[in-house]
Amino acid sequence: MKITKAVIPAAGLGTRVLPATKAMPKEMLPIVDKPAIQYIVEEAVAAGIMDILIITNRGKGVIEDHFDRSLTLEGVLTNADKTAQLETIKDLHKLANIHYIRQIETKGLGHAVSKAKTFVGNDPFLVMYGDDVILGDIPASKELIDAYGTFGKGVLGIKPVSEDAIRKYSSLKVEKIKDNVFKCTDMVEKPQTKEEILSLYSILGRCVLPPEIFDILEHTEPGAGGEIQLTDAMKELARTIGMTAVEFSGKRYDMGNKLGILQANIDVGLKHPETAEGLREYIKALAATL
């Protein structure tokens, strides 16, 4: 079955990057000249997604405004003959059919995804974490969707992390199938002891889920942090029918983390035609003083 729907949970408070996120959603933090969530939406579209549900909460209306038309701004740019700037904004509302719903209470990622049941219906769907921007030659979402087409099971986007980092994420029990594709049969959210660590592979930012996940979420109890964890629901899928895991080829940036934000801006800035040369020279000069 072709996957054409994506869900982007974007209701988190961004407490790790305060005070920047006191009045600005972390999803709107810029990477050079585009907000993080635009990179995520563009990745979804490049992977063949046509309908996107963004799950927000109070104070995140600016996300909706970004993907809406601004006729006043378009008029100003047109009258000023600023064609290049106009081209960057005029078709944002045409990227995909973007829908919004509010998560009134932030009870965890699993709770947020459960709000997408009506939108998803009986179709498999893509989940793209609002914290995570993944950049690469091949859209990470496409790699996962292709794996779903091959194996017909839920798919996890994974990367290896350090033993310290695994305690903040999830740990997966995996068995290699071929190349960068694995079978996943178990997982632990935020393992706190060495005995709980199943491997150093963790889910980072992307997954494809079957609609059965909603029935599982209905009886999933609060887990780590007292929240309803999506990992706990996916663990039931992994243990019963199994899931596929794909080590995606792109580089993941954690936009809920100060260092991740800086890394994203440097890497993108070094490739951006308007900043690449100047930034490269600045970094070279700075490196000489370190």
Protein backbone atom coordinates (compact mmCIF):
# COMPACT_ATOMS: atom_id res chain seq x y z
CA MET A 1 0.00 0.00 0.00
CA LYS A 2 1.33 3.45 -0.93
CA ILE A 3 2.03 5.71 2.05
CA THR A 4 0.77 9.24 1.46
CA LYS A 5 0.10 10.53 4.99
CA ALA A 6 2.53 11.88 7.56
CA VAL A 7 2.10 12.97 11.16
CA ILE A 8 4.46 15.52 12.71
CA PRO A 9 4.14 15.81 16.51
CA ALA A 10 5.17 19.39 17.28
CA ALA A 11 3.59 20.05 20.66
CA GLY A 12 6.72 19.86 22.82
CA LEU A 13 7.69 22.85 24.95
CA GLY A 14 11.35 23.00 23.91
CA THR A 15 12.59 23.36 27.48
CA ARG A 16 16.12 22.28 26.56
CA VAL A 17 16.65 25.41 24.47
CA LEU A 18 15.04 28.05 26.66
CA PRO A 19 14.84 31.02 26.62
CA ALA A 20 14.78 30.95 22.80
CA THR A 21 11.62 28.83 22.87
CA LYS A 22 9.71 30.87 25.46
CA ALA A 23 7.80 32.67 22.72
CA MET A 24 8.99 30.82 19.59
CA PRO A 25 8.23 27.14 18.92
CA LYS A 26 11.44 25.11 18.62
CA GLU A 27 10.14 23.85 15.28
CA MET A 28 10.46 27.42 13.98
CA LEU A 29 14.10 27.83 15.00
CA PRO A 30 15.99 28.71 11.82
CA ILE A 31 18.63 26.69 10.04
CA VAL A 32 20.28 29.52 8.10
CA ASP A 33 17.16 30.90 6.38
CA LYS A 34 14.42 28.26 6.82
CA PRO A 35 12.69 27.07 9.99
CA ALA A 36 13.37 23.51 11.07
CA ILE A 37 9.84 22.34 10.37
CA GLN A 38 10.08 23.43 6.74
CA TYR A 39 12.98 21.04 6.23
CA ILE A 40 10.84 18.26 7.73
CA VAL A 41 7.84 19.05 5.53
CA GLU A 42 10.02 19.25 2.43
CA GLU A 43 11.52 15.86 3.26
CA ALA A 44 8.02 14.38 3.53
CA VAL A 45 7.00 15.82 0.17
CA ALA A 46 10.19 14.50 -1.45
CA ALA A 47 9.24 11.04 -0.15
CA GLY A 48 5.82 11.15 -1.84
CA ILE A 49 3.70 12.36 1.08
CA MET A 50 0.65 14.38 0.07
CA ASP A 51 -1.23 14.88 3.36
CA ILE A 52 0.46 16.07 6.55
CA LEU A 53 -0.99 16.47 10.03
CA ILE A 54 0.99 18.73 12.36
CA ILE A 55 0.11 18.27 16.03
CA THR A 56 0.60 21.52 17.92
CA ASN A 57 -0.49 23.15 21.15
CA ARG A 58 -1.07 26.65 22.51
CA GLY A 59 1.37 29.27 21.25
CA LYS A 60 2.31 27.47 18.04
CA GLY A 61 0.01 29.26 15.61
CA VAL A 62 3.10 30.74 13.98
CA ILE A 63 3.67 27.31 12.39
CA GLU A 64 0.31 27.57 10.64
CA ASP A 65 1.11 31.13 9.59
CA HIS A 66 4.40 30.02 8.04
CA PHE A 67 2.70 27.56 5.69
CA ASP A 68 -0.11 30.00 4.88
CA ARG A 69 0.00 32.73 2.26
CA SER A 70 1.03 36.26 3.22
CA LEU A 71 -0.51 38.40 0.51
CA THR A 72 0.77 41.61 2.08
CA LEU A 73 4.36 40.37 2.16
CA GLU A 74 4.07 38.97 -1.36
CA GLY A 75 2.81 42.34 -2.54
CA VAL A 76 5.66 44.22 -0.90
CA LEU A 77 8.25 41.90 -2.44
CA THR A 78 6.58 42.13 -5.87
CA ASN A 79 6.48 45.93 -5.80
CA ALA A 80 10.10 46.06 -4.69
CA ASP A 81 11.09 43.69 -7.50
CA LYS A 82 12.58 41.27 -4.94
CA THR A 83 11.93 38.23 -7.09
CA ALA A 84 14.40 35.90 -5.37
CA GLN A 85 12.88 36.48 -1.94
CA LEU A 86 9.36 36.14 -3.33
CA GLU A 87 10.20 32.73 -4.81
CA THR A 88 11.21 31.42 -1.36
CA ILE A 89 7.79 32.03 0.19
CA LYS A 90 5.03 32.18 -2.40
CA ASP A 91 4.47 28.44 -2.83
CA LEU A 92 4.90 27.25 0.76
CA HIS A 93 1.15 26.71 1.04
CA LYS A 94 1.30 24.39 -1.98
CA LEU A 95 3.91 21.97 -0.59
CA ALA A 96 1.25 19.53 0.63
CA ASN A 97 -2.22 19.39 2.14
CA ILE A 98 -1.28 20.46 5.66
CA HIS A 99 -3.73 19.96 8.51
CA TYR A 100 -3.45 20.89 12.19
CA ILE A 101 -4.76 19.58 15.48
CA ARG A 102 -3.95 20.62 19.05
CA GLN A 103 -2.71 18.32 21.76
CA ILE A 104 -4.37 20.07 24.68
CA GLU A 105 -2.30 18.23 27.28
CA THR A 106 1.28 17.25 26.52
CA LYS A 107 1.22 13.68 27.80
CA GLY A 108 3.97 12.27 25.65
CA LEU A 109 4.74 11.30 22.07
CA GLY A 110 2.43 8.29 22.16
CA HIS A 111 -0.46 10.46 23.32
CA ALA A 112 0.27 12.96 20.53
CA VAL A 113 0.28 10.28 17.84
CA SER A 114 -3.00 8.87 19.18
CA LYS A 115 -4.61 12.19 18.23
CA ALA A 116 -3.98 11.37 14.56
CA LYS A 117 -6.35 8.38 14.44
CA THR A 118 -9.14 10.12 12.53
CA PHE A 119 -6.68 11.68 10.08
CA VAL A 120 -4.89 8.38 9.42
CA GLY A 121 -7.90 6.07 9.21
CA ASN A 122 -6.89 2.52 8.20
CA ASP A 123 -3.74 3.47 6.32
CA PRO A 124 -0.09 3.00 7.26
CA PHE A 125 1.51 6.37 7.93
CA LEU A 126 4.80 8.15 8.45
CA VAL A 127 5.72 9.76 11.78
CA MET A 128 8.33 12.54 11.71
CA TYR A 129 9.46 13.84 15.08
CA GLY A 130 9.27 17.64 15.16
CA ASP A 131 12.63 17.83 16.98
CA ASP A 132 14.58 16.03 14.29
CA VAL A 133 15.83 17.43 11.00
CA ILE A 134 17.52 14.81 8.80
CA LEU A 135 19.50 16.00 5.79
CA GLY A 136 21.02 13.82 3.10
CA ASP A 137 21.05 12.96 -0.59
CA ILE A 138 18.16 10.51 -0.11
CA PRO A 139 15.21 11.54 2.09
CA ALA A 140 15.24 9.40 5.23
CA SER A 141 11.47 9.08 4.97
CA LYS A 142 11.76 7.56 1.50
CA GLU A 143 14.22 4.96 2.79
CA LEU A 144 11.70 3.92 5.46
CA ILE A 145 8.73 3.96 3.08
CA ASP A 146 10.63 1.80 0.60
CA ALA A 147 11.38 -0.70 3.38
CA TYR A 148 7.70 -0.83 4.29
CA GLY A 149 6.92 -1.63 0.66
CA THR A 150 9.43 -4.48 0.74
CA PHE A 151 8.71 -6.04 4.12
CA GLY A 152 5.15 -4.90 4.89
CA LYS A 153 5.85 -4.18 8.57
CA GLY A 154 6.30 -1.07 10.67
CA VAL A 155 9.67 0.58 10.06
CA LEU A 156 11.98 2.39 12.46
CA GLY A 157 14.55 4.97 11.42
CA ILE A 158 17.66 4.22 13.44
CA LYS A 159 21.25 5.26 14.08
CA PRO A 160 23.90 4.03 16.53
CA VAL A 161 24.51 6.37 19.48
CA SER A 162 26.92 6.41 22.42
CA GLU A 163 26.22 4.47 25.60
CA ASP A 164 25.61 7.75 27.43
CA ALA A 165 23.17 8.95 24.76
CA ILE A 166 21.23 5.66 24.62
CA ARG A 167 19.98 6.36 28.15
CA LYS A 168 18.18 9.44 26.82
CA TYR A 169 16.64 7.67 23.83
CA SER A 170 15.61 4.08 23.13
CA SER A 171 17.59 0.85 22.76
CA LEU A 172 16.62 -1.75 20.16
CA LYS A 173 17.11 -5.49 19.87
CA VAL A 174 18.04 -5.91 16.22
CA GLU A 175 19.24 -8.59 13.84
CA LYS A 176 20.77 -7.62 10.52
CA ILE A 177 18.85 -8.62 7.40
CA LYS A 178 21.06 -6.95 4.79
CA ASP A 179 23.13 -3.82 4.36
CA ASN A 180 21.46 -1.11 6.49
CA VAL A 181 18.23 -3.06 7.13
CA PHE A 182 17.50 -4.93 10.36
CA LYS A 183 14.76 -6.93 12.03
CA CYS A 184 13.67 -5.44 15.38
CA THR A 185 12.04 -7.70 17.96
CA ASP A 186 12.24 -5.65 21.17
CA MET A 187 13.02 -2.18 22.51
CA VAL A 188 13.45 -0.29 25.76
CA GLU A 189 12.70 3.40 26.25
CA LYS A 190 15.43 5.32 28.11
CA PRO A 191 17.33 2.31 29.52
CA GLN A 192 18.97 3.23 32.83
CA THR A 193 21.14 0.16 33.45
CA LYS A 194 23.60 -1.76 31.28
CA GLU A 195 21.36 -4.81 31.53
CA GLU A 196 18.49 -2.87 29.89
CA ILE A 197 20.61 -1.79 26.90
CA LEU A 198 19.73 -4.14 24.03
CA SER A 199 22.08 -2.46 21.53
CA LEU A 200 23.39 1.02 20.82
CA TYR A 201 20.88 1.43 17.98
CA SER A 202 18.17 3.95 18.77
CA ILE A 203 15.08 5.30 17.01
CA LEU A 204 15.94 8.80 15.82
CA GLY A 205 13.19 10.90 14.41
CA ARG A 206 11.32 8.77 11.87
CA CYS A 207 9.08 5.69 11.75
CA VAL A 208 6.38 4.16 9.58
CA LEU A 209 3.51 2.67 11.53
CA PRO A 210 0.52 0.47 10.68
CA PRO A 211 -2.92 1.70 11.81
CA GLU A 212 -2.98 -1.06 14.46
CA ILE A 213 -0.77 1.20 16.57
CA PHE A 214 -3.84 3.17 17.65
CA ASP A 215 -5.47 0.18 19.34
CA ILE A 216 -2.19 -0.47 21.16
CA LEU A 217 -1.90 3.16 22.26
CA GLU A 218 -5.36 2.99 23.81
CA HIS A 219 -4.10 0.57 26.47
CA THR A 220 -0.51 1.80 26.73
CA GLU A 221 0.19 2.94 30.29
CA PRO A 222 2.40 5.95 31.09
CA GLY A 223 6.06 4.96 31.00
CA ALA A 224 9.33 6.91 31.26
CA GLY A 225 8.78 10.41 32.60
CA GLY A 226 5.17 9.57 33.43
CA GLU A 227 4.25 10.03 29.78
CA ILE A 228 2.60 7.76 27.22
CA GLN A 229 5.63 6.67 25.22
CA LEU A 230 5.30 5.77 21.54
CA THR A 231 8.23 3.40 22.05
CA ASP A 232 6.20 1.35 24.54
CA ALA A 233 3.44 0.91 21.96
CA MET A 234 5.90 0.05 19.19
CA LYS A 235 7.53 -2.48 21.52
CA GLU A 236 4.29 -4.47 21.46
CA LEU A 237 4.39 -4.49 17.66
CA ALA A 238 8.05 -5.55 17.68
CA ARG A 239 7.47 -8.38 20.14
CA THR A 240 4.39 -9.77 18.39
CA ILE A 241 4.70 -9.37 14.63
CA GLY A 242 8.15 -7.78 14.45
CA MET A 243 9.27 -4.51 12.91
CA THR A 244 11.86 -3.48 10.36
CA ALA A 245 14.64 -1.01 11.20
CA VAL A 246 16.55 1.05 8.64
CA GLU A 247 19.79 2.88 9.40
CA PHE A 248 19.02 5.92 7.28
CA SER A 249 21.84 7.49 5.28
CA GLY A 250 21.29 11.14 6.15
CA LYS A 251 22.61 13.13 9.11
CA ARG A 252 20.23 13.84 11.95
CA TYR A 253 20.19 17.13 13.85
CA ASP A 254 18.44 17.41 17.22
CA MET A 255 16.70 20.79 17.11
CA GLY A 256 15.73 20.49 20.75
CA ASN A 257 19.41 20.60 21.69
CA LYS A 258 21.65 23.68 21.63
CA LEU A 259 24.60 21.86 20.05
CA GLY A 260 22.36 20.21 17.45
CA ILE A 261 21.04 23.62 16.40
CA LEU A 262 24.56 25.00 16.02
CA GLN A 263 25.72 21.95 14.05
CA ALA A 264 22.78 22.20 11.66
CA ASN A 265 23.43 25.87 10.97
CA ILE A 266 27.13 25.33 10.37
CA ASP A 267 26.65 22.33 8.05
CA VAL A 268 23.87 23.97 6.04
CA GLY A 269 25.67 27.31 6.07
CA LEU A 270 28.75 25.71 4.52
CA LYS A 271 26.62 24.58 1.58
CA HIS A 272 24.35 27.59 1.19
CA PRO A 273 25.35 29.71 -1.84
CA GLU A 274 24.91 32.97 0.08
CA THR A 275 26.94 31.98 3.13
CA ALA A 276 29.31 29.16 2.18
CA GLU A 277 32.37 31.21 1.23
CA GLY A 278 32.15 33.71 4.08
CA LEU A 279 31.41 31.08 6.72
CA ARG A 280 34.25 28.86 5.53
CA GLU A 281 36.74 31.73 5.83
CA TYR A 282 35.38 32.66 9.24
CA ILE A 283 35.73 29.10 10.53
CA LYS A 284 39.30 28.86 9.23
CA ALA A 285 40.24 32.09 10.96
CA LEU A 286 38.48 31.05 14.16
CA ALA A 287 40.14 27.63 14.16
CA ALA A 288 43.54 29.28 14.21
CA THR A 289 42.69 30.85 17.57
CA LEU A 290 41.42 27.70 19.29
